[in-house]
Amino acid sequence: MKSLKAAVVTCALLVGVVAQATPAQATTRYWYNNPGSNPGANYLPHTTINGQSVQTYYQYGVWGNVSSGASVSGDYCNTYNMTPFSGYLDGNPYYYGDATSRSYCYAQGSIWGTNVNGSNGAGAQHFASTQGASAYPWATSFGANPSLYMFSKLGVTTNTSSQAWAYLCADLIDTLGVGDILEICADEWDWGQKNSPDIVGCFNPTFLPPALYVKPTALPVAWVEPANSAPPKPYAPRYFEERPQSSNTVTTKLVTRGTPFSVDITKTHLLNAIADSASCNASYGTNFSTKTWGYRLMGVEDGLELGAGVTGRVNGVEEGLVVATLY
């Protein structure tokens, strides 16, 4: 990485560009397609997207992504449960992160790197925002059976933890209600059965600084993840279906760079997630609509997280992200 030249992060939202990762024999509406030269030679905390000066680093996971300045489509680094990133590392602007923990994000071409060195659920991710495109993956204009397609390639090059995972998550907002967030996560990699037996969870971010929010609501979050069957079996397809070219969920300590992972989220999968998230209503006031066409895709997260109470370092490479509606 020492030989890289400084460059800004550019918007990687390309509509109608054919990617090799996209399944054949389907009409496609691309929301994000990054098989090539974006977002630039290295990660910077600010850039210019669509003529605007945009902060490209955020905290607090899905809340920061959905309710912050990531409203401009493009590429962002996001962290949670760790010391906030504050500057460049190694004396050069090649990595942006925290000098104490040596956690960081970097980007080169279609490749994103995330290094998590911490404890207790610390995570870092590439967030690909689609908010500038007003993306509704299951809109009625896509016909009776549209699906949200997500593809990425993963590598895990360092792992000193006892539990960790890599994820590909769709961040959705129910636009027919008060703006509650629904997050559907697929496991690209699960080391030490980090997610067993997690299936459904919910949070209310009212403890976070009010300045994070552009909406007047508290934005409760419900997330769903698949139950972990005993490795090497794949995960139960209640919230998504893995594509044939997917490697299934890798459970080895390290993952060969470029290992593909891809899923479809159909309307049925979305309804399953909505139904299972009903348990969040009593505690946090979520009230998700069952009208699938009203769910807006705010972006996709592709990153790494340590298990709860676990200390260690995990370094990953995420590349070639594609997000589209197939219909």
C-alpha atoms as a PDB file:
ATOM      1  CA  MET A   1       0.000   0.000   0.000  1.00  0.00           C
ATOM      2  CA  LYS A   2       2.986   2.329   0.421  1.00  0.00           C
ATOM      3  CA  SER A   3       3.111   2.978  -3.317  1.00  0.00           C
ATOM      4  CA  LEU A   4      -0.427   4.254  -3.616  1.00  0.00           C
ATOM      5  CA  LYS A   5      -1.100   7.862  -4.576  1.00  0.00           C
ATOM      6  CA  ALA A   6      -3.648   9.976  -2.720  1.00  0.00           C
ATOM      7  CA  ALA A   7      -7.009  10.275  -4.453  1.00  0.00           C
ATOM      8  CA  VAL A   8     -10.525  11.077  -3.495  1.00  0.00           C
ATOM      9  CA  VAL A   9     -13.339   8.616  -3.034  1.00  0.00           C
ATOM     10  CA  THR A  10     -15.730   8.910  -5.955  1.00  0.00           C
ATOM     11  CA  CYS A  11     -19.322   7.877  -6.351  1.00  0.00           C
ATOM     12  CA  ALA A  12     -19.609   4.247  -7.471  1.00  0.00           C
ATOM     13  CA  LEU A  13     -23.291   4.227  -8.306  1.00  0.00           C
ATOM     14  CA  LEU A  14     -23.537   3.103 -11.917  1.00  0.00           C
ATOM     15  CA  VAL A  15     -26.955   2.399 -13.389  1.00  0.00           C
ATOM     16  CA  GLY A  16     -27.335  -0.032 -16.278  1.00  0.00           C
ATOM     17  CA  VAL A  17     -23.716  -1.212 -16.376  1.00  0.00           C
ATOM     18  CA  VAL A  18     -23.425  -4.971 -16.824  1.00  0.00           C
ATOM     19  CA  ALA A  19     -21.268  -6.690 -14.211  1.00  0.00           C
ATOM     20  CA  GLN A  20     -19.960 -10.222 -14.584  1.00  0.00           C
ATOM     21  CA  ALA A  21     -21.210 -10.997 -11.092  1.00  0.00           C
ATOM     22  CA  THR A  22     -24.840 -10.387 -12.069  1.00  0.00           C
ATOM     23  CA  PRO A  23     -26.899 -13.513 -12.863  1.00  0.00           C
ATOM     24  CA  ALA A  24     -27.841 -14.006 -16.517  1.00  0.00           C
ATOM     25  CA  GLN A  25     -31.385 -14.148 -17.882  1.00  0.00           C
ATOM     26  CA  ALA A  26     -32.800 -11.459 -15.618  1.00  0.00           C
ATOM     27  CA  THR A  27     -33.824  -7.852 -16.169  1.00  0.00           C
ATOM     28  CA  THR A  28     -31.643  -5.784 -13.871  1.00  0.00           C
ATOM     29  CA  ARG A  29     -31.916  -2.412 -12.169  1.00  0.00           C
ATOM     30  CA  TYR A  30     -28.530  -1.621 -10.674  1.00  0.00           C
ATOM     31  CA  TRP A  31     -28.424   0.350  -7.444  1.00  0.00           C
ATOM     32  CA  TYR A  32     -24.667  -0.044  -6.932  1.00  0.00           C
ATOM     33  CA  ASN A  33     -22.146  -1.645  -9.272  1.00  0.00           C
ATOM     34  CA  ASN A  34     -18.472  -1.469  -8.362  1.00  0.00           C
ATOM     35  CA  PRO A  35     -16.517  -4.004 -10.441  1.00  0.00           C
ATOM     36  CA  GLY A  36     -13.883  -1.545 -11.669  1.00  0.00           C
ATOM     37  CA  SER A  37     -11.879   1.531 -10.813  1.00  0.00           C
ATOM     38  CA  ASN A  38     -13.830   3.318  -8.065  1.00  0.00           C
ATOM     39  CA  PRO A  39     -13.602   4.571  -5.340  1.00  0.00           C
ATOM     40  CA  GLY A  40      -9.985   5.620  -5.817  1.00  0.00           C
ATOM     41  CA  ALA A  41      -6.409   4.884  -4.856  1.00  0.00           C
ATOM     42  CA  ASN A  42      -6.982   5.214  -1.119  1.00  0.00           C
ATOM     43  CA  TYR A  43      -9.562   6.071   1.483  1.00  0.00           C
ATOM     44  CA  LEU A  44     -10.001   9.708   2.503  1.00  0.00           C
ATOM     45  CA  PRO A  45     -12.384  11.034   5.186  1.00  0.00           C
ATOM     46  CA  HIS A  46     -13.878  13.661   2.860  1.00  0.00           C
ATOM     47  CA  THR A  47     -14.479  13.880  -0.846  1.00  0.00           C
ATOM     48  CA  THR A  48     -16.607  15.678  -3.428  1.00  0.00           C
ATOM     49  CA  ILE A  49     -19.623  13.732  -4.703  1.00  0.00           C
ATOM     50  CA  ASN A  50     -22.100  15.309  -7.113  1.00  0.00           C
ATOM     51  CA  GLY A  51     -20.515  18.696  -6.443  1.00  0.00           C
ATOM     52  CA  GLN A  52     -20.927  18.417  -2.677  1.00  0.00           C
ATOM     53  CA  SER A  53     -18.243  18.137  -0.010  1.00  0.00           C
ATOM     54  CA  VAL A  54     -19.161  14.909   1.728  1.00  0.00           C
ATOM     55  CA  GLN A  55     -17.870  13.323   4.915  1.00  0.00           C
ATOM     56  CA  THR A  56     -17.092   9.719   4.095  1.00  0.00           C
ATOM     57  CA  TYR A  57     -16.502   8.326   7.595  1.00  0.00           C
ATOM     58  CA  TYR A  58     -19.324   7.683  10.059  1.00  0.00           C
ATOM     59  CA  GLN A  59     -19.841   5.936  13.377  1.00  0.00           C
ATOM     60  CA  TYR A  60     -22.607   3.955  15.079  1.00  0.00           C
ATOM     61  CA  GLY A  61     -23.251   1.342  12.413  1.00  0.00           C
ATOM     62  CA  VAL A  62     -26.604   1.357  10.677  1.00  0.00           C
ATOM     63  CA  TRP A  63     -27.845   4.467  12.537  1.00  0.00           C
ATOM     64  CA  GLY A  64     -24.950   6.565  11.306  1.00  0.00           C
ATOM     65  CA  ASN A  65     -25.359   5.245   7.772  1.00  0.00           C
ATOM     66  CA  VAL A  66     -29.089   5.799   7.468  1.00  0.00           C
ATOM     67  CA  SER A  67     -29.552   9.061   9.355  1.00  0.00           C
ATOM     68  CA  SER A  68     -26.368  10.953   8.479  1.00  0.00           C
ATOM     69  CA  GLY A  69     -24.841  12.743   5.518  1.00  0.00           C
ATOM     70  CA  ALA A  70     -24.542   9.409   3.698  1.00  0.00           C
ATOM     71  CA  SER A  71     -27.695  10.602   1.947  1.00  0.00           C
ATOM     72  CA  VAL A  72     -25.455  11.118  -1.095  1.00  0.00           C
ATOM     73  CA  SER A  73     -24.896   7.887  -3.013  1.00  0.00           C
ATOM     74  CA  GLY A  74     -21.305   6.741  -2.763  1.00  0.00           C
ATOM     75  CA  ASP A  75     -18.766   4.924  -0.629  1.00  0.00           C
ATOM     76  CA  TYR A  76     -18.297   5.365   3.102  1.00  0.00           C
ATOM     77  CA  CYS A  77     -16.417   3.810   6.006  1.00  0.00           C
ATOM     78  CA  ASN A  78     -18.464   3.120   9.126  1.00  0.00           C
ATOM     79  CA  THR A  79     -17.438   1.801  12.550  1.00  0.00           C
ATOM     80  CA  TYR A  80     -19.194   0.892  15.784  1.00  0.00           C
ATOM     81  CA  ASN A  81     -18.343  -0.301  19.303  1.00  0.00           C
ATOM     82  CA  MET A  82     -14.802   1.012  19.009  1.00  0.00           C
ATOM     83  CA  THR A  83     -12.803   4.207  19.466  1.00  0.00           C
ATOM     84  CA  PRO A  84     -13.761   6.605  16.643  1.00  0.00           C
ATOM     85  CA  PHE A  85     -11.318   6.922  13.767  1.00  0.00           C
ATOM     86  CA  SER A  86      -9.484  10.229  13.932  1.00  0.00           C
ATOM     87  CA  GLY A  87      -6.715  10.434  11.337  1.00  0.00           C
ATOM     88  CA  TYR A  88      -4.258   8.902   8.923  1.00  0.00           C
ATOM     89  CA  LEU A  89      -1.962   6.054   9.980  1.00  0.00           C
ATOM     90  CA  ASP A  90       1.649   5.234   9.115  1.00  0.00           C
ATOM     91  CA  GLY A  91       2.433   8.885   8.337  1.00  0.00           C
ATOM     92  CA  ASN A  92       0.764   8.654   4.929  1.00  0.00           C
ATOM     93  CA  PRO A  93      -2.878   9.058   3.818  1.00  0.00           C
ATOM     94  CA  TYR A  94      -3.212   5.422   2.822  1.00  0.00           C
ATOM     95  CA  TYR A  95      -5.212   4.244   5.826  1.00  0.00           C
ATOM     96  CA  TYR A  96      -7.736   6.212   7.852  1.00  0.00           C
ATOM     97  CA  GLY A  97      -8.333   4.937  11.366  1.00  0.00           C
ATOM     98  CA  ASP A  98      -7.402   4.955  15.043  1.00  0.00           C
ATOM     99  CA  ALA A  99      -3.697   5.193  15.854  1.00  0.00           C
ATOM    100  CA  THR A 100      -4.065   3.481  19.233  1.00  0.00           C
ATOM    101  CA  SER A 101      -5.911   0.352  18.183  1.00  0.00           C
ATOM    102  CA  ARG A 102      -4.557   0.378  14.609  1.00  0.00           C
ATOM    103  CA  SER A 103      -8.069  -0.223  13.314  1.00  0.00           C
ATOM    104  CA  TYR A 104      -8.685   1.356   9.916  1.00  0.00           C
ATOM    105  CA  CYS A 105     -10.417   1.476   6.533  1.00  0.00           C
ATOM    106  CA  TYR A 106      -8.744   1.798   3.157  1.00  0.00           C
ATOM    107  CA  ALA A 107      -9.901   1.621  -0.461  1.00  0.00           C
ATOM    108  CA  GLN A 108      -8.156   0.837  -3.729  1.00  0.00           C
ATOM    109  CA  GLY A 109     -10.146   0.437  -6.915  1.00  0.00           C
ATOM    110  CA  SER A 110     -13.065  -1.904  -6.270  1.00  0.00           C
ATOM    111  CA  ILE A 111     -11.304  -3.183  -3.129  1.00  0.00           C
ATOM    112  CA  TRP A 112     -12.107  -2.116   0.418  1.00  0.00           C
ATOM    113  CA  GLY A 113     -10.056  -3.131   3.418  1.00  0.00           C
ATOM    114  CA  THR A 114     -11.280  -3.197   7.005  1.00  0.00           C
ATOM    115  CA  ASN A 115      -9.042  -3.875   9.983  1.00  0.00           C
ATOM    116  CA  VAL A 116     -10.795  -4.409  13.326  1.00  0.00           C
ATOM    117  CA  ASN A 117      -8.506  -4.566  16.360  1.00  0.00           C
ATOM    118  CA  GLY A 118     -10.610  -4.328  19.488  1.00  0.00           C
ATOM    119  CA  SER A 119     -13.119  -6.127  21.668  1.00  0.00           C
ATOM    120  CA  ASN A 120     -16.785  -6.725  22.494  1.00  0.00           C
ATOM    121  CA  GLY A 121     -18.548  -6.519  19.158  1.00  0.00           C
ATOM    122  CA  ALA A 122     -16.262  -3.971  17.497  1.00  0.00           C
ATOM    123  CA  GLY A 123     -16.930  -3.652  13.780  1.00  0.00           C
ATOM    124  CA  ALA A 124     -15.862  -1.778  10.641  1.00  0.00           C
ATOM    125  CA  GLN A 125     -17.473  -1.847   7.231  1.00  0.00           C
ATOM    126  CA  HIS A 126     -17.700  -0.480   3.727  1.00  0.00           C
ATOM    127  CA  PHE A 127     -21.100   1.187   3.435  1.00  0.00           C
ATOM    128  CA  ALA A 128     -22.316   1.647  -0.135  1.00  0.00           C
ATOM    129  CA  SER A 129     -25.030   4.287   0.020  1.00  0.00           C
ATOM    130  CA  THR A 130     -27.850   4.153  -2.532  1.00  0.00           C
ATOM    131  CA  GLN A 131     -29.815   7.014  -1.017  1.00  0.00           C
ATOM    132  CA  GLY A 132     -29.286   9.380  -3.923  1.00  0.00           C
ATOM    133  CA  ALA A 133     -31.002   6.916  -6.258  1.00  0.00           C
ATOM    134  CA  SER A 134     -34.257   6.627  -4.256  1.00  0.00           C
ATOM    135  CA  ALA A 135     -33.985   2.838  -4.391  1.00  0.00           C
ATOM    136  CA  TYR A 136     -37.145   0.773  -3.853  1.00  0.00           C
ATOM    137  CA  PRO A 137     -36.072  -2.830  -4.656  1.00  0.00           C
ATOM    138  CA  TRP A 138     -39.573  -4.331  -4.488  1.00  0.00           C
ATOM    139  CA  ALA A 139     -41.470  -1.493  -6.213  1.00  0.00           C
ATOM    140  CA  THR A 140     -44.624  -2.520  -8.100  1.00  0.00           C
ATOM    141  CA  SER A 141     -42.997  -1.340 -11.345  1.00  0.00           C
ATOM    142  CA  PHE A 142     -40.675  -4.376 -11.121  1.00  0.00           C
ATOM    143  CA  GLY A 143     -43.576  -6.800 -11.476  1.00  0.00           C
ATOM    144  CA  ALA A 144     -44.812  -9.596  -9.257  1.00  0.00           C
ATOM    145  CA  ASN A 145     -41.566 -11.251  -8.133  1.00  0.00           C
ATOM    146  CA  PRO A 146     -38.611  -8.869  -7.858  1.00  0.00           C
ATOM    147  CA  SER A 147     -35.660  -9.691  -5.631  1.00  0.00           C
ATOM    148  CA  LEU A 148     -32.835  -7.665  -4.138  1.00  0.00           C
ATOM    149  CA  TYR A 149     -29.541  -9.157  -5.304  1.00  0.00           C
ATOM    150  CA  MET A 150     -26.278  -8.585  -3.408  1.00  0.00           C
ATOM    151  CA  PHE A 151     -22.851  -9.872  -4.470  1.00  0.00           C
ATOM    152  CA  SER A 152     -19.412  -9.404  -2.946  1.00  0.00           C
ATOM    153  CA  LYS A 153     -16.056 -11.157  -2.729  1.00  0.00           C
ATOM    154  CA  LEU A 154     -14.341 -11.641   0.618  1.00  0.00           C
ATOM    155  CA  GLY A 155     -10.910 -12.354   1.978  1.00  0.00           C
ATOM    156  CA  VAL A 156      -9.885 -12.707   5.639  1.00  0.00           C
ATOM    157  CA  THR A 157      -6.113 -12.407   5.874  1.00  0.00           C
ATOM    158  CA  THR A 158      -5.585 -12.058   9.650  1.00  0.00           C
ATOM    159  CA  ASN A 159      -7.659 -13.469  12.509  1.00  0.00           C
ATOM    160  CA  THR A 160      -6.549 -13.658  16.141  1.00  0.00           C
ATOM    161  CA  SER A 161     -10.091 -13.812  17.563  1.00  0.00           C
ATOM    162  CA  SER A 162     -12.109 -16.727  18.913  1.00  0.00           C
ATOM    163  CA  GLN A 163     -15.346 -15.389  17.390  1.00  0.00           C
ATOM    164  CA  ALA A 164     -15.911 -13.096  14.422  1.00  0.00           C
ATOM    165  CA  TRP A 165     -17.970 -12.803  11.269  1.00  0.00           C
ATOM    166  CA  ALA A 166     -18.180 -11.032   7.918  1.00  0.00           C
ATOM    167  CA  TYR A 167     -21.553  -9.779   6.767  1.00  0.00           C
ATOM    168  CA  LEU A 168     -23.463  -8.413   3.802  1.00  0.00           C
ATOM    169  CA  CYS A 169     -26.438  -6.407   5.094  1.00  0.00           C
ATOM    170  CA  ALA A 170     -29.267  -4.498   3.424  1.00  0.00           C
ATOM    171  CA  ASP A 171     -30.282  -1.358   5.346  1.00  0.00           C
ATOM    172  CA  LEU A 172     -33.969  -0.623   4.734  1.00  0.00           C
ATOM    173  CA  ILE A 173     -36.402   2.051   5.870  1.00  0.00           C
ATOM    174  CA  ASP A 174     -40.150   1.510   6.041  1.00  0.00           C
ATOM    175  CA  THR A 175     -41.348   4.679   4.310  1.00  0.00           C
ATOM    176  CA  LEU A 176     -45.012   3.942   5.027  1.00  0.00           C
ATOM    177  CA  GLY A 177     -44.541   4.333   8.795  1.00  0.00           C
ATOM    178  CA  VAL A 178     -42.413   6.662  10.927  1.00  0.00           C
ATOM    179  CA  GLY A 179     -39.134   5.644   9.319  1.00  0.00           C
ATOM    180  CA  ASP A 180     -38.150   2.604  11.379  1.00  0.00           C
ATOM    181  CA  ILE A 181     -35.082   0.721  10.142  1.00  0.00           C
ATOM    182  CA  LEU A 182     -35.019  -2.940   9.156  1.00  0.00           C
ATOM    183  CA  GLU A 183     -31.623  -4.537   8.611  1.00  0.00           C
ATOM    184  CA  ILE A 184     -31.316  -7.938   6.918  1.00  0.00           C
ATOM    185  CA  CYS A 185     -27.885  -9.535   7.273  1.00  0.00           C
ATOM    186  CA  ALA A 186     -26.348 -12.502   5.485  1.00  0.00           C
ATOM    187  CA  ASP A 187     -23.211 -14.187   6.804  1.00  0.00           C
ATOM    188  CA  GLU A 188     -20.315 -14.304   4.372  1.00  0.00           C
ATOM    189  CA  TRP A 189     -18.042 -15.823   7.024  1.00  0.00           C
ATOM    190  CA  ASP A 190     -18.651 -17.007  10.587  1.00  0.00           C
ATOM    191  CA  TRP A 191     -15.709 -17.980  12.767  1.00  0.00           C
ATOM    192  CA  GLY A 192     -16.353 -19.691  16.107  1.00  0.00           C
ATOM    193  CA  GLN A 193     -20.143 -19.624  15.494  1.00  0.00           C
ATOM    194  CA  LYS A 194     -20.298 -15.955  16.436  1.00  0.00           C
ATOM    195  CA  ASN A 195     -23.961 -15.658  15.514  1.00  0.00           C
ATOM    196  CA  SER A 196     -25.344 -18.800  17.096  1.00  0.00           C
ATOM    197  CA  PRO A 197     -28.097 -18.595  18.216  1.00  0.00           C
ATOM    198  CA  ASP A 198     -28.805 -14.943  17.235  1.00  0.00           C
ATOM    199  CA  ILE A 199     -31.775 -14.636  14.881  1.00  0.00           C
ATOM    200  CA  VAL A 200     -33.708 -11.447  15.661  1.00  0.00           C
ATOM    201  CA  GLY A 201     -32.682  -8.343  17.571  1.00  0.00           C
ATOM    202  CA  CYS A 202     -33.796  -4.765  18.025  1.00  0.00           C
ATOM    203  CA  PHE A 203     -32.302  -1.547  19.343  1.00  0.00           C
ATOM    204  CA  ASN A 204     -33.362   2.017  20.012  1.00  0.00           C
ATOM    205  CA  PRO A 205     -30.601   4.604  19.456  1.00  0.00           C
ATOM    206  CA  THR A 206     -32.004   7.383  21.629  1.00  0.00           C
ATOM    207  CA  PHE A 207     -28.792   7.351  23.698  1.00  0.00           C
ATOM    208  CA  LEU A 208     -26.788   8.578  20.709  1.00  0.00           C
ATOM    209  CA  PRO A 209     -26.068  12.289  20.100  1.00  0.00           C
ATOM    210  CA  PRO A 210     -29.121  14.020  18.580  1.00  0.00           C
ATOM    211  CA  ALA A 211     -26.877  15.670  15.990  1.00  0.00           C
ATOM    212  CA  LEU A 212     -26.625  12.315  14.227  1.00  0.00           C
ATOM    213  CA  TYR A 213     -30.227  12.422  13.122  1.00  0.00           C
ATOM    214  CA  VAL A 214     -31.910  14.227  10.284  1.00  0.00           C
ATOM    215  CA  LYS A 215     -35.307  12.705  11.090  1.00  0.00           C
ATOM    216  CA  PRO A 216     -37.399  13.671  14.125  1.00  0.00           C
ATOM    217  CA  THR A 217     -38.045  10.039  15.054  1.00  0.00           C
ATOM    218  CA  ALA A 218     -35.847   7.874  17.259  1.00  0.00           C
ATOM    219  CA  LEU A 219     -35.376   5.441  14.363  1.00  0.00           C
ATOM    220  CA  PRO A 220     -35.678   2.106  16.169  1.00  0.00           C
ATOM    221  CA  VAL A 221     -33.761  -0.690  14.458  1.00  0.00           C
ATOM    222  CA  ALA A 222     -34.765  -4.307  14.025  1.00  0.00           C
ATOM    223  CA  TRP A 223     -32.266  -6.705  12.496  1.00  0.00           C
ATOM    224  CA  VAL A 224     -32.517 -10.300  11.431  1.00  0.00           C
ATOM    225  CA  GLU A 225     -29.753 -12.814  10.854  1.00  0.00           C
ATOM    226  CA  PRO A 226     -29.903 -16.507   9.950  1.00  0.00           C
ATOM    227  CA  ALA A 227     -29.658 -19.184  12.622  1.00  0.00           C
ATOM    228  CA  ASN A 228     -26.351 -21.045  12.526  1.00  0.00           C
ATOM    229  CA  SER A 229     -26.662 -24.726  11.721  1.00  0.00           C
ATOM    230  CA  ALA A 230     -23.645 -26.860  12.465  1.00  0.00           C
ATOM    231  CA  PRO A 231     -20.786 -26.120  10.068  1.00  0.00           C
ATOM    232  CA  PRO A 232     -20.233 -26.781   7.233  1.00  0.00           C
ATOM    233  CA  LYS A 233     -23.977 -26.650   6.515  1.00  0.00           C
ATOM    234  CA  PRO A 234     -25.250 -23.375   5.027  1.00  0.00           C
ATOM    235  CA  TYR A 235     -27.569 -21.071   6.902  1.00  0.00           C
ATOM    236  CA  ALA A 236     -31.330 -21.471   6.933  1.00  0.00           C
ATOM    237  CA  PRO A 237     -32.755 -19.461   3.987  1.00  0.00           C
ATOM    238  CA  ARG A 238     -35.509 -17.627   5.878  1.00  0.00           C
ATOM    239  CA  TYR A 239     -34.320 -14.081   5.134  1.00  0.00           C
ATOM    240  CA  PHE A 240     -32.443 -14.679   1.873  1.00  0.00           C
ATOM    241  CA  GLU A 241     -31.451 -17.374  -0.606  1.00  0.00           C
ATOM    242  CA  GLU A 242     -27.810 -17.966  -1.485  1.00  0.00           C
ATOM    243  CA  ARG A 243     -27.011 -17.959  -5.192  1.00  0.00           C
ATOM    244  CA  PRO A 244     -25.458 -21.073  -6.811  1.00  0.00           C
ATOM    245  CA  GLN A 245     -22.150 -19.259  -7.373  1.00  0.00           C
ATOM    246  CA  SER A 246     -21.993 -18.378  -3.679  1.00  0.00           C
ATOM    247  CA  SER A 247     -19.382 -20.138  -1.582  1.00  0.00           C
ATOM    248  CA  ASN A 248     -21.952 -20.581   1.214  1.00  0.00           C
ATOM    249  CA  THR A 249     -20.829 -19.377   4.608  1.00  0.00           C
ATOM    250  CA  VAL A 250     -17.138 -20.073   5.149  1.00  0.00           C
ATOM    251  CA  THR A 251     -16.276 -21.259   8.662  1.00  0.00           C
ATOM    252  CA  THR A 252     -12.480 -21.568   8.414  1.00  0.00           C
ATOM    253  CA  LYS A 253     -10.191 -19.266  10.406  1.00  0.00           C
ATOM    254  CA  LEU A 254      -9.027 -17.444   7.251  1.00  0.00           C
ATOM    255  CA  VAL A 255     -10.735 -16.931   3.892  1.00  0.00           C
ATOM    256  CA  THR A 256      -8.993 -16.909   0.509  1.00  0.00           C
ATOM    257  CA  ARG A 257      -9.211 -13.477  -1.049  1.00  0.00           C
ATOM    258  CA  GLY A 258     -11.821 -13.246  -3.798  1.00  0.00           C
ATOM    259  CA  THR A 259     -14.161 -15.862  -2.318  1.00  0.00           C
ATOM    260  CA  PRO A 260     -17.611 -15.040  -3.795  1.00  0.00           C
ATOM    261  CA  PHE A 261     -20.819 -14.652  -1.814  1.00  0.00           C
ATOM    262  CA  SER A 262     -24.201 -13.679  -3.216  1.00  0.00           C
ATOM    263  CA  VAL A 263     -27.819 -13.718  -2.109  1.00  0.00           C
ATOM    264  CA  ASP A 264     -31.341 -12.897  -3.255  1.00  0.00           C
ATOM    265  CA  ILE A 265     -33.895 -11.283  -0.920  1.00  0.00           C
ATOM    266  CA  THR A 266     -37.363 -11.880  -2.373  1.00  0.00           C
ATOM    267  CA  LYS A 267     -40.619 -10.345  -1.199  1.00  0.00           C
ATOM    268  CA  THR A 268     -41.261 -13.531   0.794  1.00  0.00           C
ATOM    269  CA  HIS A 269     -37.909 -13.186   2.551  1.00  0.00           C
ATOM    270  CA  LEU A 270     -38.683  -9.552   3.372  1.00  0.00           C
ATOM    271  CA  LEU A 271     -42.073 -10.518   4.801  1.00  0.00           C
ATOM    272  CA  ASN A 272     -40.386 -13.192   6.941  1.00  0.00           C
ATOM    273  CA  ALA A 273     -38.025 -10.562   8.334  1.00  0.00           C
ATOM    274  CA  ILE A 274     -40.919  -8.204   9.023  1.00  0.00           C
ATOM    275  CA  ALA A 275     -42.873 -10.930  10.805  1.00  0.00           C
ATOM    276  CA  ASP A 276     -39.936 -12.040  12.944  1.00  0.00           C
ATOM    277  CA  SER A 277     -39.178  -8.448  13.916  1.00  0.00           C
ATOM    278  CA  ALA A 278     -42.622  -8.076  15.488  1.00  0.00           C
ATOM    279  CA  SER A 279     -41.046  -8.904  18.853  1.00  0.00           C
ATOM    280  CA  CYS A 280     -39.366  -5.500  18.754  1.00  0.00           C
ATOM    281  CA  ASN A 281     -42.702  -3.671  18.884  1.00  0.00           C
ATOM    282  CA  ALA A 282     -43.336  -3.933  22.616  1.00  0.00           C
ATOM    283  CA  SER A 283     -39.914  -2.746  23.726  1.00  0.00           C
ATOM    284  CA  TYR A 284     -39.023  -0.203  21.072  1.00  0.00           C
ATOM    285  CA  GLY A 285     -42.201   0.803  19.301  1.00  0.00           C
ATOM    286  CA  THR A 286     -41.361  -0.503  15.843  1.00  0.00           C
ATOM    287  CA  ASN A 287     -44.367  -1.118  13.653  1.00  0.00           C
ATOM    288  CA  PHE A 288     -43.299  -2.378  10.251  1.00  0.00           C
ATOM    289  CA  SER A 289     -45.633  -2.316   7.273  1.00  0.00           C
ATOM    290  CA  THR A 290     -46.230  -5.529   5.309  1.00  0.00           C
ATOM    291  CA  LYS A 291     -46.359  -3.594   2.030  1.00  0.00           C
ATOM    292  CA  THR A 292     -43.041  -4.606   0.527  1.00  0.00           C
ATOM    293  CA  TRP A 293     -43.101  -1.928  -2.175  1.00  0.00           C
ATOM    294  CA  GLY A 294     -42.777   0.781   0.505  1.00  0.00           C
ATOM    295  CA  TYR A 295     -39.328  -0.320   1.722  1.00  0.00           C
ATOM    296  CA  ARG A 296     -36.481   1.893   0.573  1.00  0.00           C
ATOM    297  CA  LEU A 297     -32.924   0.592   0.324  1.00  0.00           C
ATOM    298  CA  MET A 298     -30.607   3.075   2.053  1.00  0.00           C
ATOM    299  CA  GLY A 299     -27.461   1.123   1.307  1.00  0.00           C
ATOM    300  CA  VAL A 300     -25.521  -2.093   1.818  1.00  0.00           C
ATOM    301  CA  GLU A 301     -22.941  -2.866   4.499  1.00  0.00           C
ATOM    302  CA  ASP A 302     -20.000  -5.172   3.770  1.00  0.00           C
ATOM    303  CA  GLY A 303     -17.719  -5.624   6.762  1.00  0.00           C
ATOM    304  CA  LEU A 304     -16.318  -7.454   9.780  1.00  0.00           C
ATOM    305  CA  GLU A 305     -17.278  -7.727  13.445  1.00  0.00           C
ATOM    306  CA  LEU A 306     -15.834  -9.389  16.541  1.00  0.00           C
ATOM    307  CA  GLY A 307     -18.031 -11.475  18.813  1.00  0.00           C
ATOM    308  CA  ALA A 308     -19.449 -10.085  22.057  1.00  0.00           C
ATOM    309  CA  GLY A 309     -16.837 -10.066  24.803  1.00  0.00           C
ATOM    310  CA  VAL A 310     -14.137 -11.176  22.357  1.00  0.00           C
ATOM    311  CA  THR A 311     -10.783  -9.448  21.942  1.00  0.00           C
ATOM    312  CA  GLY A 312      -8.672  -9.802  18.841  1.00  0.00           C
ATOM    313  CA  ARG A 313      -7.751  -8.562  15.394  1.00  0.00           C
ATOM    314  CA  VAL A 314      -9.504  -9.387  12.137  1.00  0.00           C
ATOM    315  CA  ASN A 315      -8.331  -7.994   8.799  1.00  0.00           C
ATOM    316  CA  GLY A 316     -10.514  -8.416   5.738  1.00  0.00           C
ATOM    317  CA  VAL A 317     -10.735  -7.476   2.067  1.00  0.00           C
ATOM    318  CA  GLU A 318     -14.146  -6.800   0.506  1.00  0.00           C
ATOM    319  CA  GLU A 319     -14.348  -6.214  -3.239  1.00  0.00           C
ATOM    320  CA  GLY A 320     -16.515  -6.150  -6.355  1.00  0.00           C
ATOM    321  CA  LEU A 321     -19.763  -5.193  -4.629  1.00  0.00           C
ATOM    322  CA  VAL A 322     -22.893  -5.328  -6.793  1.00  0.00           C
ATOM    323  CA  VAL A 323     -26.421  -4.443  -5.603  1.00  0.00           C
ATOM    324  CA  ALA A 324     -29.416  -4.696  -7.933  1.00  0.00           C
ATOM    325  CA  THR A 325     -33.073  -5.535  -8.291  1.00  0.00           C
ATOM    326  CA  LEU A 326     -33.681  -8.580 -10.495  1.00  0.00           C
ATOM    327  CA  TYR A 327     -37.106  -8.870 -12.084  1.00  0.00           C
END
